[in-house]
Protein backbone atom coordinates (compact mmCIF):
# COMPACT_ATOMS: atom_id res chain seq x y z
CA MET A 1 0.00 0.00 0.00
CA GLU A 2 2.81 2.39 0.92
CA LYS A 3 4.64 1.71 -2.36
CA THR A 4 1.41 2.29 -4.25
CA ASN A 5 0.93 5.67 -2.55
CA VAL A 6 4.51 6.64 -3.39
CA ARG A 7 3.97 5.73 -7.05
CA ILE A 8 0.72 7.74 -7.14
CA LYS A 9 2.40 10.79 -5.60
CA SER A 10 5.33 10.49 -7.98
CA HIS A 11 2.95 10.24 -10.95
CA ASP A 12 1.01 13.29 -9.73
CA ARG A 13 4.22 15.32 -9.42
CA ILE A 14 5.29 14.37 -12.94
CA VAL A 15 1.87 15.29 -14.34
CA LYS A 16 1.97 18.61 -12.49
CA LEU A 17 5.41 19.41 -13.92
CA ILE A 18 4.18 18.58 -17.43
CA VAL A 19 1.11 20.81 -17.06
CA LEU A 20 3.16 23.69 -15.61
CA ALA A 21 5.66 23.32 -18.45
CA LEU A 22 2.74 23.54 -20.87
CA PHE A 23 1.50 26.73 -19.22
CA THR A 24 5.02 28.18 -19.34
CA ALA A 25 5.23 27.43 -23.06
CA LEU A 26 1.79 28.97 -23.69
CA ALA A 27 2.69 32.07 -21.66
CA TYR A 28 5.86 32.49 -23.71
CA VAL A 29 4.09 31.97 -27.04
CA SER A 30 1.49 34.57 -26.04
CA LEU A 31 4.25 37.18 -26.14
CA PHE A 32 4.26 36.83 -29.92
CA VAL A 33 0.47 36.91 -30.28
CA CYS A 34 -0.32 40.23 -28.63
CA HIS A 35 2.44 42.54 -27.44
CA PHE A 36 2.28 46.32 -27.02
CA ARG A 37 4.79 48.81 -25.66
CA VAL A 38 4.01 52.21 -24.22
CA GLU A 39 7.09 54.22 -23.33
CA PHE A 40 9.13 51.81 -21.13
CA LEU A 41 6.10 49.67 -20.23
CA SER A 42 5.16 46.35 -21.81
CA PHE A 43 1.71 44.84 -22.19
CA GLU A 44 1.00 41.24 -23.19
CA PRO A 45 -1.51 38.49 -22.26
CA LYS A 46 0.90 36.10 -20.52
CA ASP A 47 -0.38 36.92 -17.01
CA ALA A 48 -3.79 35.52 -17.95
CA ILE A 49 -2.22 32.14 -18.68
CA ILE A 50 0.05 32.26 -15.64
CA VAL A 51 -2.84 32.97 -13.28
CA ILE A 52 -4.75 29.97 -14.64
CA SER A 53 -1.87 27.76 -13.51
CA ALA A 54 -2.20 29.38 -10.07
CA PHE A 55 -5.92 28.62 -10.05
CA MET A 56 -5.22 24.98 -10.87
CA TYR A 57 -2.22 24.23 -8.67
CA GLY A 58 -2.05 27.07 -6.16
CA PRO A 59 -0.19 30.39 -5.85
CA LEU A 60 3.28 28.82 -5.68
CA ALA A 61 2.73 27.15 -9.07
CA GLY A 62 1.81 30.53 -10.54
CA VAL A 63 5.00 32.03 -9.16
CA GLU A 64 7.07 29.20 -10.63
CA VAL A 65 5.55 29.62 -14.10
CA ALA A 66 5.97 33.41 -13.87
CA VAL A 67 9.66 33.22 -12.97
CA VAL A 68 10.55 30.60 -15.60
CA THR A 69 8.65 32.50 -18.31
CA ALA A 70 10.38 35.76 -17.39
CA VAL A 71 13.83 34.15 -17.47
CA ILE A 72 13.19 32.56 -20.88
CA GLU A 73 11.89 35.89 -22.16
CA MET A 74 15.01 37.71 -20.94
CA PHE A 75 17.38 35.33 -22.72
CA THR A 76 15.43 35.24 -25.99
CA ILE A 77 13.37 38.27 -27.01
CA SER A 78 13.66 40.88 -24.28
CA SER A 79 15.68 44.05 -24.88
CA THR A 80 15.45 45.29 -21.29
CA GLY A 81 17.82 42.82 -19.61
CA LEU A 82 17.77 42.48 -15.84
CA TYR A 83 15.43 45.46 -15.49
CA GLY A 84 12.81 43.74 -17.59
CA LEU A 85 13.35 40.46 -15.74
CA VAL A 86 12.82 42.05 -12.33
CA MET A 87 9.74 43.97 -13.45
CA ASN A 88 8.24 40.96 -15.21
CA ILE A 89 8.76 38.72 -12.20
CA ALA A 90 7.32 41.30 -9.81
CA SER A 91 4.23 41.93 -11.93
CA SER A 92 3.40 38.33 -12.84
CA CYS A 93 4.25 36.84 -9.43
CA VAL A 94 2.12 39.30 -7.48
CA PHE A 95 -0.79 39.01 -9.90
CA SER A 96 -0.84 35.20 -9.99
CA ALA A 97 0.00 34.64 -6.31
CA VAL A 98 -2.71 36.94 -4.94
CA ALA A 99 -5.41 35.61 -7.27
CA GLY A 100 -4.33 32.01 -6.74
CA LEU A 101 -4.21 32.34 -2.95
CA ILE A 102 -7.76 33.68 -2.70
CA TYR A 103 -9.12 31.15 -5.20
CA LYS A 104 -7.43 28.33 -3.28
CA TYR A 105 -9.81 28.92 -0.37
CA LYS A 106 -12.89 29.91 -2.39
CA LYS A 107 -13.08 27.82 -5.57
CA THR A 108 -16.13 29.45 -7.11
CA ILE A 109 -16.70 32.07 -9.79
CA THR A 110 -17.10 34.62 -7.01
CA GLY A 111 -13.79 33.52 -5.50
CA ALA A 112 -12.08 33.81 -8.88
CA VAL A 113 -13.48 37.32 -9.45
CA ILE A 114 -12.54 38.48 -5.95
CA GLY A 115 -9.07 37.00 -6.34
CA LEU A 116 -8.52 38.69 -9.70
CA LEU A 117 -9.76 42.06 -8.42
CA ALA A 118 -7.38 41.80 -5.46
CA ALA A 119 -4.62 40.79 -7.89
CA ILE A 120 -5.23 43.89 -10.04
CA ILE A 121 -5.02 46.19 -7.04
CA SER A 122 -1.95 44.46 -5.58
CA MET A 123 -0.08 44.29 -8.89
CA THR A 124 -0.81 47.95 -9.65
CA ALA A 125 0.45 49.08 -6.23
CA VAL A 126 3.61 46.96 -6.43
CA MET A 127 4.43 48.06 -9.97
CA ILE A 128 4.03 51.75 -9.19
CA VAL A 129 6.44 51.39 -6.26
CA ALA A 130 8.81 49.29 -8.39
CA ASN A 131 8.79 51.89 -11.15
CA ILE A 132 9.51 54.69 -8.70
CA VAL A 133 12.41 52.78 -7.14
CA ILE A 134 13.93 50.95 -10.14
CA THR A 135 13.02 52.81 -13.34
CA PRO A 136 15.11 55.95 -12.66
CA PHE A 137 18.25 53.78 -12.65
CA TYR A 138 17.27 51.99 -15.86
CA MET A 139 16.08 55.09 -17.74
CA GLY A 140 18.74 57.41 -16.34
CA ALA A 141 15.96 59.86 -15.52
CA PRO A 142 15.18 61.84 -12.36
CA ARG A 143 12.90 60.01 -9.95
CA GLN A 144 10.51 62.95 -10.01
CA ALA A 145 10.03 62.43 -13.74
CA VAL A 146 8.81 58.90 -13.05
CA ILE A 147 6.59 60.09 -10.20
CA ASP A 148 5.03 62.62 -12.57
CA LEU A 149 3.98 59.73 -14.80
CA ILE A 150 2.00 57.93 -12.09
CA ILE A 151 -1.37 59.52 -12.79
CA PRO A 152 -1.23 59.91 -16.59
CA LEU A 153 0.57 56.64 -17.41
CA LEU A 154 1.64 54.19 -14.68
CA LEU A 155 -1.68 53.99 -12.83
CA PRO A 156 -4.01 53.59 -15.84
CA PHE A 157 -1.54 51.32 -17.66
CA ASN A 158 -1.23 48.82 -14.82
CA ILE A 159 -4.93 48.89 -13.93
CA VAL A 160 -6.03 48.29 -17.52
CA LYS A 161 -3.32 45.68 -18.05
CA GLY A 162 -4.56 43.87 -14.94
CA ILE A 163 -8.18 44.14 -16.07
CA PHE A 164 -7.29 42.68 -19.46
CA SER A 165 -5.35 39.79 -17.92
CA ALA A 166 -8.13 39.09 -15.42
CA SER A 167 -10.84 39.16 -18.09
CA LEU A 168 -8.85 36.90 -20.40
CA ALA A 169 -8.23 34.46 -17.53
CA MET A 170 -11.96 34.26 -16.86
CA ILE A 171 -12.59 33.57 -20.55
CA LEU A 172 -9.89 30.90 -20.89
CA TYR A 173 -9.96 29.13 -17.53
CA LYS A 174 -12.90 26.82 -18.07
CA PRO A 175 -11.93 25.81 -21.64
CA PHE A 176 -8.33 25.16 -20.50
CA VAL A 177 -9.38 22.97 -17.58
CA THR A 178 -12.04 21.17 -19.62
CA ALA A 179 -9.50 20.36 -22.36
CA LEU A 180 -6.93 19.08 -19.85
CA ARG A 181 -9.58 17.04 -18.05
CA ALA A 182 -10.76 15.51 -21.32
CA THR A 183 -7.24 14.28 -22.04
CA GLY A 184 -7.00 12.77 -18.57
CA VAL A 185 -4.08 14.99 -17.63
CA VAL A 186 -5.88 16.49 -14.66
CA PRO A 187 -8.58 14.89 -12.47
CA THR A 188 -12.23 15.86 -12.46
CA GLY A 189 -11.81 17.96 -9.33
CA TYR A 190 -10.14 20.83 -11.16
CA GLY A 191 -12.39 23.57 -12.44
CA SER A 192 -14.90 23.17 -9.65
CA TYR A 193 -17.56 25.58 -10.82
CA LYS A 194 -20.05 24.24 -13.34
CA PRO A 195 -21.33 25.95 -16.50
CA GLY A 196 -24.55 27.84 -15.92
CA LYS A 197 -26.21 31.20 -16.33
CA LYS A 198 -23.77 32.81 -13.92
CA SER A 199 -20.63 31.52 -15.64
CA ILE A 200 -22.03 32.39 -19.08
CA ALA A 201 -22.78 35.94 -17.91
CA VAL A 202 -19.27 36.27 -16.46
CA THR A 203 -17.76 35.07 -19.75
CA ILE A 204 -19.76 37.57 -21.80
CA ILE A 205 -18.84 40.40 -19.45
CA SER A 206 -15.19 39.31 -19.51
CA ILE A 207 -15.10 39.39 -23.31
CA ALA A 208 -16.56 42.90 -23.33
CA VAL A 209 -14.11 44.09 -20.65
CA ALA A 210 -11.10 42.53 -22.42
CA ALA A 211 -12.12 44.20 -25.68
CA GLY A 212 -12.52 47.50 -23.88
CA ALA A 213 -9.04 47.20 -22.39
CA VAL A 214 -7.49 46.59 -25.81
CA ILE A 215 -9.36 49.58 -27.26
CA TYR A 216 -8.07 51.72 -24.40
CA PHE A 217 -4.50 50.77 -25.22
CA LEU A 218 -4.91 51.33 -28.94
CA VAL A 219 -6.88 54.58 -28.73
CA VAL A 220 -6.23 56.40 -25.47
CA LEU A 221 -2.60 55.52 -24.74
CA GLU A 222 -1.65 55.71 -28.40
CA GLY A 223 -2.93 59.24 -28.56
CA ALA A 224 -1.29 60.24 -25.29
CA PHE A 225 2.09 58.51 -25.44
CA GLY A 226 2.55 56.85 -28.79
CA LEU A 227 1.84 53.14 -28.77
CA LYS A 228 4.49 50.97 -30.40
């Protein structure tokens, strides 16, 4: 019996590593699908995928996927070096860990929404502080110049980026889990909330919110700062 339990645990660990590697690959590929830059800030959908891994396996799993994805990005396509690595890790880790932690104890649509809202607020706060502390060294600019960008750029950018990632996560979570469950990779227990009027309404709202976030980037920030 003990040997059987050891084999089961070993199998579960291997499956978890495979699934987390899959999420890491998807997060990295997403960088090529939708990637915007505004000034020294970068916007992409990878956090949506990373936070789904946190929903499935807990906040620590989200942190692991976030760190590995950021390191791969730095050594392949990033032009911001260690600065970009630190900022990417800070943003993705906070976002996924906060959302994953709350969802771990309340595995419902409401829990997911509350977790993602808390993640948006936490990530925005951390990134504003990180930009004030770190960006002046990277940009070679006075700290006051960065502080002056909080209201017109840093605050709206991070809030809307978080809203987009949260909305996309709500859209993709159920299909992701359903697909993995259908292949037998993950057990039935994952993805605890069932399809219904509430989940359909949340999906529709999430699509509208995600579209609104993209429009904001393309229209508002492009006009104000020059979207690249």
